[in-house]
């Protein structure tokens, strides 16, 4: 019986919902008082399926990641679908962190 049946589980992320969550997060970052003039940016590369956060400090990058995470959850996308790498130092005493969609 086991050789006759097969069960394939496929888990794919809806890129349209990811893009909607990204747009909402960018809008919130431009309106939030504590992040408005911080110089933090959030970018989405649809081609590579990655997010890039550039921020002046680690805690600001964590706040941007939390904003994006809340928008992803509201759109029905599991937070485990984004694998974040460790923050690395970038030019001008900023921090860059990337996350890949799984």
PDB file of N, CA and C in Angstrom:
ATOM      1  N   UNK A   1       0.819  -1.191   0.000  1.00  0.00           N
ATOM      2  CA  UNK A   1       0.000   0.000   0.000  1.00  0.00           C
ATOM      3  C   UNK A   1       0.862   1.254   0.000  1.00  0.00           C
ATOM      4  N   UNK A   2       1.941   1.245   0.766  1.00  0.00           N
ATOM      5  CA  UNK A   2       2.778   2.434   0.860  1.00  0.00           C
ATOM      6  C   UNK A   2       3.464   2.739  -0.463  1.00  0.00           C
ATOM      7  N   UNK A   3       3.794   1.703  -1.224  1.00  0.00           N
ATOM      8  CA  UNK A   3       4.468   1.937  -2.497  1.00  0.00           C
ATOM      9  C   UNK A   3       3.501   2.435  -3.565  1.00  0.00           C
ATOM     10  N   UNK A   4       2.226   2.173  -3.392  1.00  0.00           N
ATOM     11  CA  UNK A   4       1.231   2.610  -4.361  1.00  0.00           C
ATOM     12  C   UNK A   4       0.849   4.072  -4.158  1.00  0.00           C
ATOM     13  N   UNK A   5       0.906   4.543  -2.944  1.00  0.00           N
ATOM     14  CA  UNK A   5       0.477   5.908  -2.635  1.00  0.00           C
ATOM     15  C   UNK A   5       1.682   6.819  -2.498  1.00  0.00           C
ATOM     16  N   UNK A   6       1.482   8.031  -2.897  1.00  0.00           N
ATOM     17  CA  UNK A   6       2.531   9.027  -2.675  1.00  0.00           C
ATOM     18  C   UNK A   6       1.876  10.294  -2.151  1.00  0.00           C
ATOM     19  N   UNK A   7       2.614  10.976  -1.330  1.00  0.00           N
ATOM     20  CA  UNK A   7       2.090  12.195  -0.724  1.00  0.00           C
ATOM     21  C   UNK A   7       3.186  13.242  -0.765  1.00  0.00           C
ATOM     22  N   UNK A   8       3.034  14.208  -1.621  1.00  0.00           N
ATOM     23  CA  UNK A   8       4.027  15.268  -1.755  1.00  0.00           C
ATOM     24  C   UNK A   8       3.473  16.546  -1.143  1.00  0.00           C
ATOM     25  N   UNK A   9       4.242  17.117  -0.258  1.00  0.00           N
ATOM     26  CA  UNK A   9       3.851  18.370   0.366  1.00  0.00           C
ATOM     27  C   UNK A   9       4.655  19.486  -0.283  1.00  0.00           C
ATOM     28  N   UNK A  10       3.949  20.467  -0.796  1.00  0.00           N
ATOM     29  CA  UNK A  10       4.596  21.603  -1.438  1.00  0.00           C
ATOM     30  C   UNK A  10       4.185  22.853  -0.686  1.00  0.00           C
ATOM     31  N   UNK A  11       5.175  23.590  -0.272  1.00  0.00           N
ATOM     32  CA  UNK A  11       4.914  24.828   0.454  1.00  0.00           C
ATOM     33  C   UNK A  11       5.506  25.984  -0.336  1.00  0.00           C
ATOM     34  N   UNK A  12       4.642  26.816  -0.869  1.00  0.00           N
ATOM     35  CA  UNK A  12       5.091  27.965  -1.635  1.00  0.00           C
ATOM     36  C   UNK A  12       4.494  29.228  -1.037  1.00  0.00           C
ATOM     37  N   UNK A  13       5.241  30.300  -1.137  1.00  0.00           N
ATOM     38  CA  UNK A  13       4.798  31.580  -0.620  1.00  0.00           C
ATOM     39  C   UNK A  13       4.136  32.347  -1.759  1.00  0.00           C
ATOM     40  N   UNK A  14       2.990  32.954  -1.477  1.00  0.00           N
ATOM     41  CA  UNK A  14       2.290  33.770  -2.459  1.00  0.00           C
ATOM     42  C   UNK A  14       3.018  35.105  -2.593  1.00  0.00           C
ATOM     43  N   UNK A  15       3.716  35.297  -3.708  1.00  0.00           N
ATOM     44  CA  UNK A  15       4.533  36.497  -3.891  1.00  0.00           C
ATOM     45  C   UNK A  15       3.697  37.768  -3.975  1.00  0.00           C
ATOM     46  N   UNK A  16       2.455  37.657  -4.414  1.00  0.00           N
ATOM     47  CA  UNK A  16       1.589  38.835  -4.463  1.00  0.00           C
ATOM     48  C   UNK A  16       1.276  39.316  -3.048  1.00  0.00           C
ATOM     49  N   UNK A  17       1.019  38.394  -2.143  1.00  0.00           N
ATOM     50  CA  UNK A  17       0.762  38.768  -0.749  1.00  0.00           C
ATOM     51  C   UNK A  17       2.028  39.303  -0.088  1.00  0.00           C
ATOM     52  N   UNK A  18       3.179  38.742  -0.439  1.00  0.00           N
ATOM     53  CA  UNK A  18       4.450  39.256   0.083  1.00  0.00           C
ATOM     54  C   UNK A  18       4.661  40.688  -0.380  1.00  0.00           C
ATOM     55  N   UNK A  19       4.366  40.956  -1.647  1.00  0.00           N
ATOM     56  CA  UNK A  19       4.514  42.314  -2.173  1.00  0.00           C
ATOM     57  C   UNK A  19       3.550  43.276  -1.486  1.00  0.00           C
ATOM     58  N   UNK A  20       2.319  42.836  -1.244  1.00  0.00           N
ATOM     59  CA  UNK A  20       1.358  43.687  -0.537  1.00  0.00           C
ATOM     60  C   UNK A  20       1.831  43.994   0.880  1.00  0.00           C
ATOM     61  N   UNK A  21       2.341  42.987   1.572  1.00  0.00           N
ATOM     62  CA  UNK A  21       2.855  43.200   2.928  1.00  0.00           C
ATOM     63  C   UNK A  21       4.057  44.130   2.906  1.00  0.00           C
ATOM     64  N   UNK A  22       4.913  43.987   1.908  1.00  0.00           N
ATOM     65  CA  UNK A  22       6.079  44.862   1.759  1.00  0.00           C
ATOM     66  C   UNK A  22       5.642  46.313   1.565  1.00  0.00           C
ATOM     67  N   UNK A  23       4.673  46.545   0.677  1.00  0.00           N
ATOM     68  CA  UNK A  23       4.194  47.909   0.423  1.00  0.00           C
ATOM     69  C   UNK A  23       3.590  48.523   1.684  1.00  0.00           C
ATOM     70  N   UNK A  24       2.842  47.739   2.442  1.00  0.00           N
ATOM     71  CA  UNK A  24       2.259  48.241   3.689  1.00  0.00           C
ATOM     72  C   UNK A  24       3.346  48.560   4.708  1.00  0.00           C
ATOM     73  N   UNK A  25       4.373  47.724   4.780  1.00  0.00           N
ATOM     74  CA  UNK A  25       5.463  47.964   5.731  1.00  0.00           C
ATOM     75  C   UNK A  25       6.231  49.228   5.370  1.00  0.00           C
ATOM     76  N   UNK A  26       6.491  49.440   4.088  1.00  0.00           N
ATOM     77  CA  UNK A  26       7.192  50.652   3.654  1.00  0.00           C
ATOM     78  C   UNK A  26       6.363  51.885   3.987  1.00  0.00           C
ATOM     79  N   UNK A  27       5.058  51.799   3.788  1.00  0.00           N
ATOM     80  CA  UNK A  27       4.175  52.916   4.119  1.00  0.00           C
ATOM     81  C   UNK A  27       4.206  53.205   5.617  1.00  0.00           C
ATOM     82  N   UNK A  28       4.173  52.157   6.436  1.00  0.00           N
ATOM     83  CA  UNK A  28       4.217  52.368   7.885  1.00  0.00           C
ATOM     84  C   UNK A  28       5.564  52.930   8.325  1.00  0.00           C
ATOM     85  N   UNK A  29       6.651  52.490   7.710  1.00  0.00           N
ATOM     86  CA  UNK A  29       7.971  53.012   8.064  1.00  0.00           C
ATOM     87  C   UNK A  29       8.079  54.501   7.757  1.00  0.00           C
ATOM     88  N   UNK A  30       7.420  54.945   6.705  1.00  0.00           N
ATOM     89  CA  UNK A  30       7.478  56.366   6.355  1.00  0.00           C
ATOM     90  C   UNK A  30       6.589  57.212   7.252  1.00  0.00           C
ATOM     91  N   UNK A  31       5.663  56.585   7.989  1.00  0.00           N
ATOM     92  CA  UNK A  31       4.728  57.335   8.824  1.00  0.00           C
ATOM     93  C   UNK A  31       5.011  57.231  10.314  1.00  0.00           C
ATOM     94  N   UNK A  32       5.716  56.197  10.741  1.00  0.00           N
ATOM     95  CA  UNK A  32       5.974  56.032  12.175  1.00  0.00           C
ATOM     96  C   UNK A  32       6.952  57.073  12.676  1.00  0.00           C
ATOM     97  N   UNK A  33       6.622  57.675  13.809  1.00  0.00           N
ATOM     98  CA  UNK A  33       7.422  58.764  14.355  1.00  0.00           C
ATOM     99  C   UNK A  33       8.845  58.320  14.676  1.00  0.00           C
ATOM    100  N   UNK A  34       8.997  57.144  15.275  1.00  0.00           N
ATOM    101  CA  UNK A  34      10.328  56.698  15.698  1.00  0.00           C
ATOM    102  C   UNK A  34      11.191  56.190  14.536  1.00  0.00           C
ATOM    103  N   UNK A  35      10.592  55.891  13.402  1.00  0.00           N
ATOM    104  CA  UNK A  35      11.359  55.369  12.270  1.00  0.00           C
ATOM    105  C   UNK A  35      11.387  56.308  11.069  1.00  0.00           C
ATOM    106  N   UNK A  36      10.589  57.362  11.101  1.00  0.00           N
ATOM    107  CA  UNK A  36      10.440  58.244   9.948  1.00  0.00           C
ATOM    108  C   UNK A  36      11.762  58.863   9.505  1.00  0.00           C
ATOM    109  N   UNK A  37      12.510  59.442  10.428  1.00  0.00           N
ATOM    110  CA  UNK A  37      13.756  60.126  10.091  1.00  0.00           C
ATOM    111  C   UNK A  37      14.994  59.336  10.506  1.00  0.00           C
ATOM    112  N   UNK A  38      14.835  58.043  10.709  1.00  0.00           N
ATOM    113  CA  UNK A  38      15.965  57.234  11.173  1.00  0.00           C
ATOM    114  C   UNK A  38      16.917  56.852  10.039  1.00  0.00           C
ATOM    115  N   UNK A  39      16.459  56.915   8.815  1.00  0.00           N
ATOM    116  CA  UNK A  39      17.291  56.510   7.689  1.00  0.00           C
ATOM    117  C   UNK A  39      17.200  55.028   7.384  1.00  0.00           C
ATOM    118  N   UNK A  40      16.279  54.332   8.021  1.00  0.00           N
ATOM    119  CA  UNK A  40      16.106  52.904   7.781  1.00  0.00           C
ATOM    120  C   UNK A  40      15.348  52.688   6.472  1.00  0.00           C
ATOM    121  N   UNK A  41      15.789  51.705   5.705  1.00  0.00           N
ATOM    122  CA  UNK A  41      15.119  51.373   4.452  1.00  0.00           C
ATOM    123  C   UNK A  41      14.828  49.880   4.398  1.00  0.00           C
ATOM    124  N   UNK A  42      13.788  49.552   3.672  1.00  0.00           N
ATOM    125  CA  UNK A  42      13.396  48.167   3.444  1.00  0.00           C
ATOM    126  C   UNK A  42      13.229  47.990   1.944  1.00  0.00           C
ATOM    127  N   UNK A  43      13.881  46.974   1.390  1.00  0.00           N
ATOM    128  CA  UNK A  43      13.814  46.717  -0.046  1.00  0.00           C
ATOM    129  C   UNK A  43      13.435  45.261  -0.281  1.00  0.00           C
ATOM    130  N   UNK A  44      12.697  45.040  -1.360  1.00  0.00           N
ATOM    131  CA  UNK A  44      12.302  43.694  -1.759  1.00  0.00           C
ATOM    132  C   UNK A  44      12.812  43.434  -3.166  1.00  0.00           C
ATOM    133  N   UNK A  45      13.530  42.343  -3.332  1.00  0.00           N
ATOM    134  CA  UNK A  45      13.951  41.896  -4.659  1.00  0.00           C
ATOM    135  C   UNK A  45      13.066  40.713  -5.039  1.00  0.00           C
ATOM    136  N   UNK A  46      12.091  40.968  -5.886  1.00  0.00           N
ATOM    137  CA  UNK A  46      11.167  39.902  -6.289  1.00  0.00           C
ATOM    138  C   UNK A  46      11.886  38.829  -7.099  1.00  0.00           C
ATOM    139  N   UNK A  47      12.857  39.257  -7.878  1.00  0.00           N
ATOM    140  CA  UNK A  47      13.595  38.322  -8.733  1.00  0.00           C
ATOM    141  C   UNK A  47      14.348  37.288  -7.899  1.00  0.00           C
ATOM    142  N   UNK A  48      15.010  37.759  -6.826  1.00  0.00           N
ATOM    143  CA  UNK A  48      15.786  36.858  -5.973  1.00  0.00           C
ATOM    144  C   UNK A  48      14.984  36.343  -4.783  1.00  0.00           C
ATOM    145  N   UNK A  49      13.860  36.990  -4.475  1.00  0.00           N
ATOM    146  CA  UNK A  49      13.054  36.588  -3.332  1.00  0.00           C
ATOM    147  C   UNK A  49      13.709  36.930  -2.008  1.00  0.00           C
ATOM    148  N   UNK A  50      14.287  38.144  -1.921  1.00  0.00           N
ATOM    149  CA  UNK A  50      14.973  38.554  -0.695  1.00  0.00           C
ATOM    150  C   UNK A  50      14.511  39.932  -0.236  1.00  0.00           C
ATOM    151  N   UNK A  51      14.554  40.118   1.068  1.00  0.00           N
ATOM    152  CA  UNK A  51      14.360  41.423   1.689  1.00  0.00           C
ATOM    153  C   UNK A  51      15.724  41.939   2.118  1.00  0.00           C
ATOM    154  N   UNK A  52      15.922  43.251   2.049  1.00  0.00           N
ATOM    155  CA  UNK A  52      17.145  43.871   2.540  1.00  0.00           C
ATOM    156  C   UNK A  52      16.766  45.044   3.421  1.00  0.00           C
ATOM    157  N   UNK A  53      17.246  45.014   4.654  1.00  0.00           N
ATOM    158  CA  UNK A  53      17.023  46.103   5.602  1.00  0.00           C
ATOM    159  C   UNK A  53      18.351  46.823   5.790  1.00  0.00           C
ATOM    160  N   UNK A  54      18.331  48.134   5.637  1.00  0.00           N
ATOM    161  CA  UNK A  54      19.491  48.966   5.929  1.00  0.00           C
ATOM    162  C   UNK A  54      19.067  49.935   7.016  1.00  0.00           C
ATOM    163  N   UNK A  55      19.807  49.943   8.124  1.00  0.00           N
ATOM    164  CA  UNK A  55      19.426  50.762   9.275  1.00  0.00           C
ATOM    165  C   UNK A  55      20.674  51.293   9.965  1.00  0.00           C
ATOM    166  N   UNK A  56      20.519  52.385  10.738  1.00  0.00           N
ATOM    167  CA  UNK A  56      21.674  52.957  11.427  1.00  0.00           C
ATOM    168  C   UNK A  56      22.149  52.142  12.632  1.00  0.00           C
ATOM    169  N   UNK A  57      21.321  51.229  13.144  1.00  0.00           N
ATOM    170  CA  UNK A  57      21.703  50.431  14.313  1.00  0.00           C
ATOM    171  C   UNK A  57      20.943  49.104  14.300  1.00  0.00           C
ATOM    172  N   UNK A  58      21.432  48.159  15.100  1.00  0.00           N
ATOM    173  CA  UNK A  58      20.798  46.840  15.176  1.00  0.00           C
ATOM    174  C   UNK A  58      19.357  46.913  15.663  1.00  0.00           C
ATOM    175  N   UNK A  59      19.093  47.744  16.680  1.00  0.00           N
ATOM    176  CA  UNK A  59      17.740  47.786  17.231  1.00  0.00           C
ATOM    177  C   UNK A  59      16.753  48.404  16.240  1.00  0.00           C
ATOM    178  N   UNK A  60      17.217  49.318  15.394  1.00  0.00           N
ATOM    179  CA  UNK A  60      16.341  49.890  14.366  1.00  0.00           C
ATOM    180  C   UNK A  60      16.036  48.826  13.310  1.00  0.00           C
ATOM    181  N   UNK A  61      17.031  48.028  12.944  1.00  0.00           N
ATOM    182  CA  UNK A  61      16.809  46.932  11.997  1.00  0.00           C
ATOM    183  C   UNK A  61      15.817  45.927  12.573  1.00  0.00           C
ATOM    184  N   UNK A  62      15.900  45.674  13.871  1.00  0.00           N
ATOM    185  CA  UNK A  62      14.953  44.761  14.515  1.00  0.00           C
ATOM    186  C   UNK A  62      13.539  45.335  14.486  1.00  0.00           C
ATOM    187  N   UNK A  63      13.398  46.648  14.664  1.00  0.00           N
ATOM    188  CA  UNK A  63      12.078  47.276  14.595  1.00  0.00           C
ATOM    189  C   UNK A  63      11.501  47.181  13.187  1.00  0.00           C
ATOM    190  N   UNK A  64      12.333  47.394  12.185  1.00  0.00           N
ATOM    191  CA  UNK A  64      11.877  47.278  10.797  1.00  0.00           C
ATOM    192  C   UNK A  64      11.454  45.841  10.512  1.00  0.00           C
ATOM    193  N   UNK A  65      12.231  44.875  10.999  1.00  0.00           N
ATOM    194  CA  UNK A  65      11.892  43.461  10.824  1.00  0.00           C
ATOM    195  C   UNK A  65      10.565  43.133  11.504  1.00  0.00           C
ATOM    196  N   UNK A  66      10.312  43.714  12.680  1.00  0.00           N
ATOM    197  CA  UNK A  66       9.049  43.489  13.378  1.00  0.00           C
ATOM    198  C   UNK A  66       7.867  44.083  12.619  1.00  0.00           C
ATOM    199  N   UNK A  67       8.057  45.273  12.047  1.00  0.00           N
ATOM    200  CA  UNK A  67       6.987  45.893  11.256  1.00  0.00           C
ATOM    201  C   UNK A  67       6.661  45.013  10.056  1.00  0.00           C
ATOM    202  N   UNK A  68       7.687  44.559   9.340  1.00  0.00           N
ATOM    203  CA  UNK A  68       7.465  43.681   8.192  1.00  0.00           C
ATOM    204  C   UNK A  68       6.804  42.378   8.631  1.00  0.00           C
ATOM    205  N   UNK A  69       7.257  41.823   9.743  1.00  0.00           N
ATOM    206  CA  UNK A  69       6.670  40.579  10.242  1.00  0.00           C
ATOM    207  C   UNK A  69       5.198  40.716  10.563  1.00  0.00           C
ATOM    208  N   UNK A  70       4.814  41.831  11.166  1.00  0.00           N
ATOM    209  CA  UNK A  70       3.401  42.030  11.498  1.00  0.00           C
ATOM    210  C   UNK A  70       2.557  42.143  10.230  1.00  0.00           C
ATOM    211  N   UNK A  71       3.097  42.773   9.202  1.00  0.00           N
ATOM    212  CA  UNK A  71       2.355  42.894   7.936  1.00  0.00           C
ATOM    213  C   UNK A  71       2.260  41.545   7.224  1.00  0.00           C
ATOM    214  N   UNK A  72       3.314  40.743   7.299  1.00  0.00           N
ATOM    215  CA  UNK A  72       3.274  39.410   6.694  1.00  0.00           C
ATOM    216  C   UNK A  72       2.233  38.531   7.377  1.00  0.00           C
ATOM    217  N   UNK A  73       2.180  38.590   8.706  1.00  0.00           N
ATOM    218  CA  UNK A  73       1.219  37.774   9.446  1.00  0.00           C
ATOM    219  C   UNK A  73      -0.208  38.195   9.111  1.00  0.00           C
ATOM    220  N   UNK A  74      -0.448  39.491   9.000  1.00  0.00           N
ATOM    221  CA  UNK A  74      -1.788  39.970   8.644  1.00  0.00           C
ATOM    222  C   UNK A  74      -2.203  39.498   7.258  1.00  0.00           C
ATOM    223  N   UNK A  75      -1.229  39.257   6.385  1.00  0.00           N
ATOM    224  CA  UNK A  75      -1.510  38.783   5.038  1.00  0.00           C
ATOM    225  C   UNK A  75      -1.548  37.260   4.960  1.00  0.00           C
ATOM    226  N   UNK A  76      -1.386  36.580   6.093  1.00  0.00           N
ATOM    227  CA  UNK A  76      -1.477  35.127   6.123  1.00  0.00           C
ATOM    228  C   UNK A  76      -0.205  34.410   5.720  1.00  0.00           C
ATOM    229  N   UNK A  77       0.930  35.081   5.848  1.00  0.00           N
ATOM    230  CA  UNK A  77       2.215  34.467   5.505  1.00  0.00           C
ATOM    231  C   UNK A  77       2.953  34.155   6.797  1.00  0.00           C
ATOM    232  N   UNK A  78       3.373  32.919   6.938  1.00  0.00           N
ATOM    233  CA  UNK A  78       4.061  32.484   8.146  1.00  0.00           C
ATOM    234  C   UNK A  78       5.435  33.143   8.237  1.00  0.00           C
ATOM    235  N   UNK A  79       5.813  33.548   9.445  1.00  0.00           N
ATOM    236  CA  UNK A  79       7.110  34.193   9.643  1.00  0.00           C
ATOM    237  C   UNK A  79       8.278  33.247   9.389  1.00  0.00           C
ATOM    238  N   UNK A  80       8.024  31.950   9.457  1.00  0.00           N
ATOM    239  CA  UNK A  80       9.085  30.979   9.187  1.00  0.00           C
ATOM    240  C   UNK A  80       9.435  30.911   7.703  1.00  0.00           C
ATOM    241  N   UNK A  81       8.640  31.568   6.869  1.00  0.00           N
ATOM    242  CA  UNK A  81       8.931  31.553   5.435  1.00  0.00           C
ATOM    243  C   UNK A  81      10.030  32.543   5.056  1.00  0.00           C
ATOM    244  N   UNK A  82      10.475  33.371   6.011  1.00  0.00           N
ATOM    245  CA  UNK A  82      11.591  34.292   5.772  1.00  0.00           C
ATOM    246  C   UNK A  82      12.734  33.888   6.693  1.00  0.00           C
ATOM    247  N   UNK A  83      13.872  33.574   6.110  1.00  0.00           N
ATOM    248  CA  UNK A  83      15.062  33.225   6.899  1.00  0.00           C
ATOM    249  C   UNK A  83      15.992  34.425   6.922  1.00  0.00           C
ATOM    250  N   UNK A  84      16.145  35.014   8.103  1.00  0.00           N
ATOM    251  CA  UNK A  84      16.983  36.207   8.255  1.00  0.00           C
ATOM    252  C   UNK A  84      18.414  35.809   8.555  1.00  0.00           C
ATOM    253  N   UNK A  85      19.341  36.466   7.895  1.00  0.00           N
ATOM    254  CA  UNK A  85      20.764  36.279   8.183  1.00  0.00           C
ATOM    255  C   UNK A  85      21.167  37.250   9.283  1.00  0.00           C
ATOM    256  N   UNK A  86      22.343  37.051   9.834  1.00  0.00           N
ATOM    257  CA  UNK A  86      22.851  37.957  10.861  1.00  0.00           C
ATOM    258  C   UNK A  86      23.140  39.323  10.251  1.00  0.00           C
ATOM    259  N   UNK A  87      22.899  40.399  11.021  1.00  0.00           N
ATOM    260  CA  UNK A  87      23.216  41.740  10.515  1.00  0.00           C
ATOM    261  C   UNK A  87      24.716  41.900  10.304  1.00  0.00           C
ATOM    262  N   UNK A  88      25.072  42.598   9.237  1.00  0.00           N
ATOM    263  CA  UNK A  88      26.479  42.873   8.956  1.00  0.00           C
ATOM    264  C   UNK A  88      26.677  44.383   8.875  1.00  0.00           C
ATOM    265  N   UNK A  89      27.878  44.815   9.199  1.00  0.00           N
ATOM    266  CA  UNK A  89      28.195  46.242   9.133  1.00  0.00           C
ATOM    267  C   UNK A  89      28.289  46.658   7.671  1.00  0.00           C
ATOM    268  N   UNK A  90      27.694  47.816   7.381  1.00  0.00           N
ATOM    269  CA  UNK A  90      27.721  48.351   6.018  1.00  0.00           C
ATOM    270  C   UNK A  90      28.415  49.708   6.032  1.00  0.00           C
ATOM    271  N   UNK A  91      28.451  50.350   4.903  1.00  0.00           N
ATOM    272  CA  UNK A  91      29.143  51.635   4.784  1.00  0.00           C
ATOM    273  C   UNK A  91      28.455  52.716   5.615  1.00  0.00           C
ATOM    274  N   UNK A  92      29.249  53.631   6.134  1.00  0.00           N
ATOM    275  CA  UNK A  92      28.691  54.759   6.868  1.00  0.00           C
ATOM    276  C   UNK A  92      28.111  54.396   8.214  1.00  0.00           C
ATOM    277  N   UNK A  93      28.697  53.454   8.896  1.00  0.00           N
ATOM    278  CA  UNK A  93      28.254  52.988  10.221  1.00  0.00           C
ATOM    279  C   UNK A  93      26.786  52.564  10.233  1.00  0.00           C
ATOM    280  N   UNK A  94      26.353  51.920   9.165  1.00  0.00           N
ATOM    281  CA  UNK A  94      25.005  51.372   9.115  1.00  0.00           C
ATOM    282  C   UNK A  94      25.066  49.850   9.195  1.00  0.00           C
ATOM    283  N   UNK A  95      23.908  49.257   9.360  1.00  0.00           N
ATOM    284  CA  UNK A  95      23.788  47.806   9.469  1.00  0.00           C
ATOM    285  C   UNK A  95      22.901  47.324   8.325  1.00  0.00           C
ATOM    286  N   UNK A  96      23.283  46.223   7.701  1.00  0.00           N
ATOM    287  CA  UNK A  96      22.486  45.642   6.629  1.00  0.00           C
ATOM    288  C   UNK A  96      22.139  44.213   7.012  1.00  0.00           C
ATOM    289  N   UNK A  97      20.864  43.871   6.815  1.00  0.00           N
ATOM    290  CA  UNK A  97      20.407  42.519   7.110  1.00  0.00           C
ATOM    291  C   UNK A  97      19.547  42.041   5.952  1.00  0.00           C
ATOM    292  N   UNK A  98      19.771  40.816   5.529  1.00  0.00           N
ATOM    293  CA  UNK A  98      18.996  40.255   4.426  1.00  0.00           C
ATOM    294  C   UNK A  98      18.199  39.057   4.911  1.00  0.00           C
ATOM    295  N   UNK A  99      17.070  38.869   4.275  1.00  0.00           N
ATOM    296  CA  UNK A  99      16.213  37.732   4.572  1.00  0.00           C
ATOM    297  C   UNK A  99      15.733  37.112   3.277  1.00  0.00           C
ATOM    298  N   UNK A 100      15.802  35.807   3.183  1.00  0.00           N
ATOM    299  CA  UNK A 100      15.408  35.102   1.965  1.00  0.00           C
ATOM    300  C   UNK A 100      14.080  34.392   2.182  1.00  0.00           C
ATOM    301  N   UNK A 101      13.224  34.459   1.170  1.00  0.00           N
ATOM    302  CA  UNK A 101      11.961  33.724   1.214  1.00  0.00           C
ATOM    303  C   UNK A 101      12.246  32.252   0.971  1.00  0.00           C
ATOM    304  N   UNK A 102      11.636  31.418   1.778  1.00  0.00           N
ATOM    305  CA  UNK A 102      11.857  29.976   1.671  1.00  0.00           C
ATOM    306  C   UNK A 102      10.733  29.359   0.879  1.00  0.00           C
TER     307      UNK A 102
END
